[in-house]
Amino acid sequence: MTESRETRIKRMKMRSMRRGIKEMDLILTAYADRNLTLMDDDGLNTYDALLHENDQDLYQWVTGQASPPTELSDLIADIAQTFQK
């Protein structure tokens, strides 16, 4: 059984809130609340893949301390831009 779009978005919002470090909780929760419902399936797939990454890596990518993997670079740039506003 596949999950509905609504259930999938709820799951990803919860995973965005329950990270390993508080900074990523705040950054990803704000991003998820603003963007997940607007994303197409490919965007949701990419965000879901991002949620499987290590928080320390994510934080370094979002803050520009390290380069993200190519497949996540556009999403990380969007998250970083949203976070810096």
PDB file of N, CA and C in Angstrom:
ATOM      1  N   MET A   1       0.842  -1.184   0.000  1.00  0.00           N
ATOM      2  CA  MET A   1       0.000   0.000   0.000  1.00  0.00           C
ATOM      3  C   MET A   1       0.886   1.245   0.000  1.00  0.00           C
ATOM      4  N   THR A   2       0.595   2.168  -0.882  1.00  0.00           N
ATOM      5  CA  THR A   2       1.376   3.393  -0.931  1.00  0.00           C
ATOM      6  C   THR A   2       0.694   4.464  -0.091  1.00  0.00           C
ATOM      7  N   GLU A   3       1.506   5.367   0.434  1.00  0.00           N
ATOM      8  CA  GLU A   3       0.928   6.425   1.254  1.00  0.00           C
ATOM      9  C   GLU A   3       0.379   7.531   0.359  1.00  0.00           C
ATOM     10  N   SER A   4      -0.671   8.189   0.817  1.00  0.00           N
ATOM     11  CA  SER A   4      -1.249   9.294   0.065  1.00  0.00           C
ATOM     12  C   SER A   4      -0.293  10.489   0.117  1.00  0.00           C
ATOM     13  N   ARG A   5      -0.487  11.429  -0.783  1.00  0.00           N
ATOM     14  CA  ARG A   5       0.332  12.646  -0.798  1.00  0.00           C
ATOM     15  C   ARG A   5       0.232  13.374   0.548  1.00  0.00           C
ATOM     16  N   GLU A   6      -0.976  13.469   1.067  1.00  0.00           N
ATOM     17  CA  GLU A   6      -1.196  14.150   2.343  1.00  0.00           C
ATOM     18  C   GLU A   6      -0.437  13.455   3.482  1.00  0.00           C
ATOM     19  N   THR A   7      -0.508  12.151   3.538  1.00  0.00           N
ATOM     20  CA  THR A   7       0.202  11.389   4.572  1.00  0.00           C
ATOM     21  C   THR A   7       1.707  11.535   4.408  1.00  0.00           C
ATOM     22  N   ARG A   8       2.164  11.496   3.179  1.00  0.00           N
ATOM     23  CA  ARG A   8       3.598  11.637   2.912  1.00  0.00           C
ATOM     24  C   ARG A   8       4.109  12.995   3.389  1.00  0.00           C
ATOM     25  N   ILE A   9       3.369  14.050   3.088  1.00  0.00           N
ATOM     26  CA  ILE A   9       3.777  15.395   3.513  1.00  0.00           C
ATOM     27  C   ILE A   9       3.769  15.493   5.033  1.00  0.00           C
ATOM     28  N   LYS A  10       2.757  14.940   5.678  1.00  0.00           N
ATOM     29  CA  LYS A  10       2.718  14.951   7.153  1.00  0.00           C
ATOM     30  C   LYS A  10       3.923  14.221   7.736  1.00  0.00           C
ATOM     31  N   ARG A  11       4.264  13.069   7.154  1.00  0.00           N
ATOM     32  CA  ARG A  11       5.419  12.304   7.626  1.00  0.00           C
ATOM     33  C   ARG A  11       6.702  13.119   7.473  1.00  0.00           C
ATOM     34  N   MET A  12       6.863  13.753   6.323  1.00  0.00           N
ATOM     35  CA  MET A  12       8.084  14.528   6.101  1.00  0.00           C
ATOM     36  C   MET A  12       8.144  15.764   6.998  1.00  0.00           C
ATOM     37  N   LYS A  13       7.006  16.376   7.282  1.00  0.00           N
ATOM     38  CA  LYS A  13       7.004  17.512   8.213  1.00  0.00           C
ATOM     39  C   LYS A  13       7.425  17.053   9.610  1.00  0.00           C
ATOM     40  N   MET A  14       6.934  15.886  10.019  1.00  0.00           N
ATOM     41  CA  MET A  14       7.310  15.358  11.331  1.00  0.00           C
ATOM     42  C   MET A  14       8.799  15.048  11.378  1.00  0.00           C
ATOM     43  N   ARG A  15       9.318  14.439  10.319  1.00  0.00           N
ATOM     44  CA  ARG A  15      10.755  14.128  10.272  1.00  0.00           C
ATOM     45  C   ARG A  15      11.584  15.405  10.222  1.00  0.00           C
ATOM     46  N   SER A  16      11.039  16.473   9.659  1.00  0.00           N
ATOM     47  CA  SER A  16      11.740  17.758   9.633  1.00  0.00           C
ATOM     48  C   SER A  16      11.839  18.352  11.031  1.00  0.00           C
ATOM     49  N   MET A  17      10.819  18.105  11.846  1.00  0.00           N
ATOM     50  CA  MET A  17      10.780  18.636  13.216  1.00  0.00           C
ATOM     51  C   MET A  17      11.625  17.836  14.190  1.00  0.00           C
ATOM     52  N   ARG A  18      11.800  16.570  13.915  1.00  0.00           N
ATOM     53  CA  ARG A  18      12.456  15.662  14.861  1.00  0.00           C
ATOM     54  C   ARG A  18      13.834  15.261  14.365  1.00  0.00           C
ATOM     55  N   ARG A  19      14.730  16.215  14.296  1.00  0.00           N
ATOM     56  CA  ARG A  19      16.086  15.979  13.810  1.00  0.00           C
ATOM     57  C   ARG A  19      17.004  15.704  15.000  1.00  0.00           C
ATOM     58  N   GLY A  20      18.271  15.531  14.734  1.00  0.00           N
ATOM     59  CA  GLY A  20      19.231  15.258  15.799  1.00  0.00           C
ATOM     60  C   GLY A  20      19.750  16.509  16.482  1.00  0.00           C
ATOM     61  N   ILE A  21      19.764  17.621  15.748  1.00  0.00           N
ATOM     62  CA  ILE A  21      20.233  18.868  16.349  1.00  0.00           C
ATOM     63  C   ILE A  21      19.159  19.943  16.174  1.00  0.00           C
ATOM     64  N   LYS A  22      19.032  20.805  17.172  1.00  0.00           N
ATOM     65  CA  LYS A  22      17.969  21.805  17.216  1.00  0.00           C
ATOM     66  C   LYS A  22      18.010  22.758  16.017  1.00  0.00           C
ATOM     67  N   GLU A  23      19.205  23.126  15.584  1.00  0.00           N
ATOM     68  CA  GLU A  23      19.319  24.039  14.445  1.00  0.00           C
ATOM     69  C   GLU A  23      18.637  23.471  13.203  1.00  0.00           C
ATOM     70  N   MET A  24      18.830  22.180  12.966  1.00  0.00           N
ATOM     71  CA  MET A  24      18.206  21.566  11.795  1.00  0.00           C
ATOM     72  C   MET A  24      16.703  21.400  12.007  1.00  0.00           C
ATOM     73  N   ASP A  25      16.261  21.182  13.243  1.00  0.00           N
ATOM     74  CA  ASP A  25      14.822  21.179  13.528  1.00  0.00           C
ATOM     75  C   ASP A  25      14.201  22.491  13.055  1.00  0.00           C
ATOM     76  N   LEU A  26      14.798  23.584  13.460  1.00  0.00           N
ATOM     77  CA  LEU A  26      14.262  24.906  13.141  1.00  0.00           C
ATOM     78  C   LEU A  26      14.302  25.198  11.645  1.00  0.00           C
ATOM     79  N   ILE A  27      15.434  24.925  11.022  1.00  0.00           N
ATOM     80  CA  ILE A  27      15.608  25.218   9.597  1.00  0.00           C
ATOM     81  C   ILE A  27      14.660  24.371   8.752  1.00  0.00           C
ATOM     82  N   LEU A  28      14.649  23.066   8.984  1.00  0.00           N
ATOM     83  CA  LEU A  28      13.840  22.187   8.138  1.00  0.00           C
ATOM     84  C   LEU A  28      12.346  22.308   8.426  1.00  0.00           C
ATOM     85  N   THR A  29      11.964  22.568   9.664  1.00  0.00           N
ATOM     86  CA  THR A  29      10.546  22.759   9.971  1.00  0.00           C
ATOM     87  C   THR A  29      10.010  23.983   9.238  1.00  0.00           C
ATOM     88  N   ALA A  30      10.753  25.084   9.291  1.00  0.00           N
ATOM     89  CA  ALA A  30      10.321  26.304   8.597  1.00  0.00           C
ATOM     90  C   ALA A  30      10.237  26.066   7.095  1.00  0.00           C
ATOM     91  N   TYR A  31      11.228  25.391   6.539  1.00  0.00           N
ATOM     92  CA  TYR A  31      11.235  25.120   5.102  1.00  0.00           C
ATOM     93  C   TYR A  31      10.074  24.199   4.723  1.00  0.00           C
ATOM     94  N   ALA A  32       9.883  23.144   5.467  1.00  0.00           N
ATOM     95  CA  ALA A  32       8.815  22.181   5.162  1.00  0.00           C
ATOM     96  C   ALA A  32       7.443  22.845   5.229  1.00  0.00           C
ATOM     97  N   ASP A  33       7.221  23.650   6.242  1.00  0.00           N
ATOM     98  CA  ASP A  33       5.926  24.321   6.387  1.00  0.00           C
ATOM     99  C   ASP A  33       5.631  25.239   5.203  1.00  0.00           C
ATOM    100  N   ARG A  34       6.646  25.885   4.675  1.00  0.00           N
ATOM    101  CA  ARG A  34       6.457  26.826   3.566  1.00  0.00           C
ATOM    102  C   ARG A  34       6.390  26.161   2.197  1.00  0.00           C
ATOM    103  N   ASN A  35       7.023  25.000   2.042  1.00  0.00           N
ATOM    104  CA  ASN A  35       7.250  24.500   0.688  1.00  0.00           C
ATOM    105  C   ASN A  35       6.697  23.132   0.325  1.00  0.00           C
ATOM    106  N   LEU A  36       6.534  22.228   1.254  1.00  0.00           N
ATOM    107  CA  LEU A  36       6.203  20.856   0.879  1.00  0.00           C
ATOM    108  C   LEU A  36       4.896  20.731   0.104  1.00  0.00           C
ATOM    109  N   THR A  37       3.871  21.455   0.495  1.00  0.00           N
ATOM    110  CA  THR A  37       2.589  21.329  -0.209  1.00  0.00           C
ATOM    111  C   THR A  37       2.658  21.866  -1.635  1.00  0.00           C
ATOM    112  N   LEU A  38       3.654  22.688  -1.933  1.00  0.00           N
ATOM    113  CA  LEU A  38       3.810  23.254  -3.275  1.00  0.00           C
ATOM    114  C   LEU A  38       4.669  22.397  -4.192  1.00  0.00           C
ATOM    115  N   MET A  39       5.358  21.402  -3.633  1.00  0.00           N
ATOM    116  CA  MET A  39       6.294  20.583  -4.411  1.00  0.00           C
ATOM    117  C   MET A  39       5.580  19.529  -5.240  1.00  0.00           C
ATOM    118  N   ASP A  40       6.163  19.219  -6.404  1.00  0.00           N
ATOM    119  CA  ASP A  40       5.685  18.094  -7.198  1.00  0.00           C
ATOM    120  C   ASP A  40       6.299  16.815  -6.639  1.00  0.00           C
ATOM    121  N   ASP A  41       5.968  15.681  -7.254  1.00  0.00           N
ATOM    122  CA  ASP A  41       6.459  14.397  -6.740  1.00  0.00           C
ATOM    123  C   ASP A  41       7.980  14.304  -6.761  1.00  0.00           C
ATOM    124  N   ASP A  42       8.616  14.827  -7.804  1.00  0.00           N
ATOM    125  CA  ASP A  42      10.082  14.793  -7.865  1.00  0.00           C
ATOM    126  C   ASP A  42      10.688  15.608  -6.730  1.00  0.00           C
ATOM    127  N   GLY A  43      10.112  16.770  -6.454  1.00  0.00           N
ATOM    128  CA  GLY A  43      10.591  17.600  -5.349  1.00  0.00           C
ATOM    129  C   GLY A  43      10.429  16.900  -4.012  1.00  0.00           C
ATOM    130  N   LEU A  44       9.285  16.242  -3.827  1.00  0.00           N
ATOM    131  CA  LEU A  44       9.061  15.500  -2.585  1.00  0.00           C
ATOM    132  C   LEU A  44      10.042  14.338  -2.461  1.00  0.00           C
ATOM    133  N   ASN A  45      10.333  13.672  -3.567  1.00  0.00           N
ATOM    134  CA  ASN A  45      11.306  12.579  -3.541  1.00  0.00           C
ATOM    135  C   ASN A  45      12.681  13.079  -3.118  1.00  0.00           C
ATOM    136  N   THR A  46      13.081  14.229  -3.652  1.00  0.00           N
ATOM    137  CA  THR A  46      14.381  14.804  -3.308  1.00  0.00           C
ATOM    138  C   THR A  46      14.405  15.213  -1.838  1.00  0.00           C
ATOM    139  N   TYR A  47      13.337  15.849  -1.369  1.00  0.00           N
ATOM    140  CA  TYR A  47      13.279  16.248   0.041  1.00  0.00           C
ATOM    141  C   TYR A  47      13.299  15.025   0.955  1.00  0.00           C
ATOM    142  N   ASP A  48      12.596  13.979   0.558  1.00  0.00           N
ATOM    143  CA  ASP A  48      12.586  12.746   1.345  1.00  0.00           C
ATOM    144  C   ASP A  48      13.999  12.161   1.428  1.00  0.00           C
ATOM    145  N   ALA A  49      14.734  12.196   0.320  1.00  0.00           N
ATOM    146  CA  ALA A  49      16.125  11.715   0.326  1.00  0.00           C
ATOM    147  C   ALA A  49      16.982  12.571   1.257  1.00  0.00           C
ATOM    148  N   LEU A  50      16.755  13.878   1.239  1.00  0.00           N
ATOM    149  CA  LEU A  50      17.509  14.792   2.109  1.00  0.00           C
ATOM    150  C   LEU A  50      17.282  14.447   3.578  1.00  0.00           C
ATOM    151  N   LEU A  51      16.069  14.051   3.926  1.00  0.00           N
ATOM    152  CA  LEU A  51      15.756  13.717   5.317  1.00  0.00           C
ATOM    153  C   LEU A  51      16.518  12.506   5.831  1.00  0.00           C
ATOM    154  N   HIS A  52      17.090  11.722   4.935  1.00  0.00           N
ATOM    155  CA  HIS A  52      17.887  10.565   5.342  1.00  0.00           C
ATOM    156  C   HIS A  52      19.357  10.914   5.578  1.00  0.00           C
ATOM    157  N   GLU A  53      19.718  12.153   5.303  1.00  0.00           N
ATOM    158  CA  GLU A  53      21.107  12.585   5.492  1.00  0.00           C
ATOM    159  C   GLU A  53      21.383  12.917   6.952  1.00  0.00           C
ATOM    160  N   ASN A  54      22.649  12.867   7.314  1.00  0.00           N
ATOM    161  CA  ASN A  54      23.128  13.185   8.653  1.00  0.00           C
ATOM    162  C   ASN A  54      22.957  14.675   8.943  1.00  0.00           C
ATOM    163  N   ASP A  55      22.486  15.015  10.144  1.00  0.00           N
ATOM    164  CA  ASP A  55      22.255  16.415  10.499  1.00  0.00           C
ATOM    165  C   ASP A  55      23.512  17.276  10.451  1.00  0.00           C
ATOM    166  N   GLN A  56      24.625  16.730  10.880  1.00  0.00           N
ATOM    167  CA  GLN A  56      25.852  17.514  10.860  1.00  0.00           C
ATOM    168  C   GLN A  56      26.229  17.868   9.418  1.00  0.00           C
ATOM    169  N   ASP A  57      26.065  16.921   8.503  1.00  0.00           N
ATOM    170  CA  ASP A  57      26.318  17.203   7.084  1.00  0.00           C
ATOM    171  C   ASP A  57      25.337  18.234   6.555  1.00  0.00           C
ATOM    172  N   LEU A  58      24.050  18.043   6.852  1.00  0.00           N
ATOM    173  CA  LEU A  58      23.030  18.990   6.389  1.00  0.00           C
ATOM    174  C   LEU A  58      23.328  20.404   6.871  1.00  0.00           C
ATOM    175  N   TYR A  59      23.684  20.529   8.124  1.00  0.00           N
ATOM    176  CA  TYR A  59      23.969  21.860   8.677  1.00  0.00           C
ATOM    177  C   TYR A  59      25.146  22.507   7.952  1.00  0.00           C
ATOM    178  N   GLN A  60      26.178  21.750   7.697  1.00  0.00           N
ATOM    179  CA  GLN A  60      27.334  22.297   6.980  1.00  0.00           C
ATOM    180  C   GLN A  60      26.966  22.686   5.556  1.00  0.00           C
ATOM    181  N   TRP A  61      26.128  21.897   4.909  1.00  0.00           N
ATOM    182  CA  TRP A  61      25.708  22.228   3.539  1.00  0.00           C
ATOM    183  C   TRP A  61      24.859  23.495   3.519  1.00  0.00           C
ATOM    184  N   VAL A  62      23.883  23.586   4.425  1.00  0.00           N
ATOM    185  CA  VAL A  62      22.968  24.725   4.451  1.00  0.00           C
ATOM    186  C   VAL A  62      23.701  26.016   4.808  1.00  0.00           C
ATOM    187  N   THR A  63      24.686  25.927   5.683  1.00  0.00           N
ATOM    188  CA  THR A  63      25.419  27.123   6.094  1.00  0.00           C
ATOM    189  C   THR A  63      26.609  27.437   5.196  1.00  0.00           C
ATOM    190  N   GLY A  64      26.833  26.618   4.170  1.00  0.00           N
ATOM    191  CA  GLY A  64      27.905  26.879   3.220  1.00  0.00           C
ATOM    192  C   GLY A  64      29.287  26.461   3.687  1.00  0.00           C
ATOM    193  N   GLN A  65      29.369  25.693   4.757  1.00  0.00           N
ATOM    194  CA  GLN A  65      30.659  25.241   5.262  1.00  0.00           C
ATOM    195  C   GLN A  65      31.222  24.079   4.458  1.00  0.00           C
ATOM    196  N   ALA A  66      30.338  23.385   3.719  1.00  0.00           N
ATOM    197  CA  ALA A  66      30.745  22.258   2.887  1.00  0.00           C
ATOM    198  C   ALA A  66      29.825  22.199   1.672  1.00  0.00           C
ATOM    199  N   SER A  67      30.300  21.582   0.611  1.00  0.00           N
ATOM    200  CA  SER A  67      29.498  21.451  -0.605  1.00  0.00           C
ATOM    201  C   SER A  67      28.589  20.225  -0.501  1.00  0.00           C
ATOM    202  N   PRO A  68      27.323  20.392  -0.862  1.00  0.00           N
ATOM    203  CA  PRO A  68      26.397  19.255  -0.817  1.00  0.00           C
ATOM    204  C   PRO A  68      26.603  18.334  -2.014  1.00  0.00           C
ATOM    205  N   PRO A  69      26.082  17.120  -1.954  1.00  0.00           N
ATOM    206  CA  PRO A  69      26.120  16.246  -3.120  1.00  0.00           C
ATOM    207  C   PRO A  69      25.341  16.893  -4.272  1.00  0.00           C
ATOM    208  N   THR A  70      25.750  16.631  -5.473  1.00  0.00           N
ATOM    209  CA  THR A  70      25.146  17.246  -6.654  1.00  0.00           C
ATOM    210  C   THR A  70      23.636  17.062  -6.692  1.00  0.00           C
ATOM    211  N   GLU A  71      23.158  15.866  -6.365  1.00  0.00           N
ATOM    212  CA  GLU A  71      21.719  15.593  -6.457  1.00  0.00           C
ATOM    213  C   GLU A  71      20.885  16.374  -5.450  1.00  0.00           C
ATOM    214  N   LEU A  72      21.523  16.939  -4.414  1.00  0.00           N
ATOM    215  CA  LEU A  72      20.814  17.727  -3.413  1.00  0.00           C
ATOM    216  C   LEU A  72      21.150  19.212  -3.474  1.00  0.00           C
ATOM    217  N   SER A  73      22.040  19.602  -4.371  1.00  0.00           N
ATOM    218  CA  SER A  73      22.561  20.972  -4.352  1.00  0.00           C
ATOM    219  C   SER A  73      21.486  22.039  -4.586  1.00  0.00           C
ATOM    220  N   ASP A  74      20.557  21.812  -5.513  1.00  0.00           N
ATOM    221  CA  ASP A  74      19.505  22.809  -5.752  1.00  0.00           C
ATOM    222  C   ASP A  74      18.589  22.948  -4.537  1.00  0.00           C
ATOM    223  N   LEU A  75      18.211  21.836  -3.949  1.00  0.00           N
ATOM    224  CA  LEU A  75      17.353  21.865  -2.769  1.00  0.00           C
ATOM    225  C   LEU A  75      18.072  22.519  -1.590  1.00  0.00           C
ATOM    226  N   ILE A  76      19.321  22.186  -1.382  1.00  0.00           N
ATOM    227  CA  ILE A  76      20.092  22.803  -0.294  1.00  0.00           C
ATOM    228  C   ILE A  76      20.203  24.305  -0.506  1.00  0.00           C
ATOM    229  N   ALA A  77      20.426  24.735  -1.741  1.00  0.00           N
ATOM    230  CA  ALA A  77      20.501  26.173  -2.040  1.00  0.00           C
ATOM    231  C   ALA A  77      19.176  26.857  -1.718  1.00  0.00           C
ATOM    232  N   ASP A  78      18.067  26.213  -2.044  1.00  0.00           N
ATOM    233  CA  ASP A  78      16.753  26.782  -1.748  1.00  0.00           C
ATOM    234  C   ASP A  78      16.517  26.857  -0.241  1.00  0.00           C
ATOM    235  N   ILE A  79      16.896  25.817   0.471  1.00  0.00           N
ATOM    236  CA  ILE A  79      16.755  25.820   1.931  1.00  0.00           C
ATOM    237  C   ILE A  79      17.629  26.915   2.537  1.00  0.00           C
ATOM    238  N   ALA A  80      18.858  27.023   2.069  1.00  0.00           N
ATOM    239  CA  ALA A  80      19.771  28.049   2.592  1.00  0.00           C
ATOM    240  C   ALA A  80      19.235  29.446   2.324  1.00  0.00           C
ATOM    241  N   GLN A  81      18.685  29.668   1.146  1.00  0.00           N
ATOM    242  CA  GLN A  81      18.132  30.971   0.796  1.00  0.00           C
ATOM    243  C   GLN A  81      16.935  31.286   1.698  1.00  0.00           C
ATOM    244  N   THR A  82      16.070  30.322   1.925  1.00  0.00           N
ATOM    245  CA  THR A  82      14.910  30.509   2.790  1.00  0.00           C
ATOM    246  C   THR A  82      15.346  30.796   4.213  1.00  0.00           C
ATOM    247  N   PHE A  83      16.350  30.071   4.673  1.00  0.00           N
ATOM    248  CA  PHE A  83      16.848  30.226   6.033  1.00  0.00           C
ATOM    249  C   PHE A  83      17.471  31.605   6.248  1.00  0.00           C
ATOM    250  N   GLN A  84      18.124  32.157   5.234  1.00  0.00           N
ATOM    251  CA  GLN A  84      18.816  33.432   5.366  1.00  0.00           C
ATOM    252  C   GLN A  84      17.896  34.638   5.244  1.00  0.00           C
ATOM    253  N   LYS A  85      16.646  34.431   4.852  1.00  0.00           N
ATOM    254  CA  LYS A  85      15.701  35.555   4.715  1.00  0.00           C
ATOM    255  C   LYS A  85      15.251  36.065   6.049  1.00  0.00           C
TER     256      LYS A  85
END
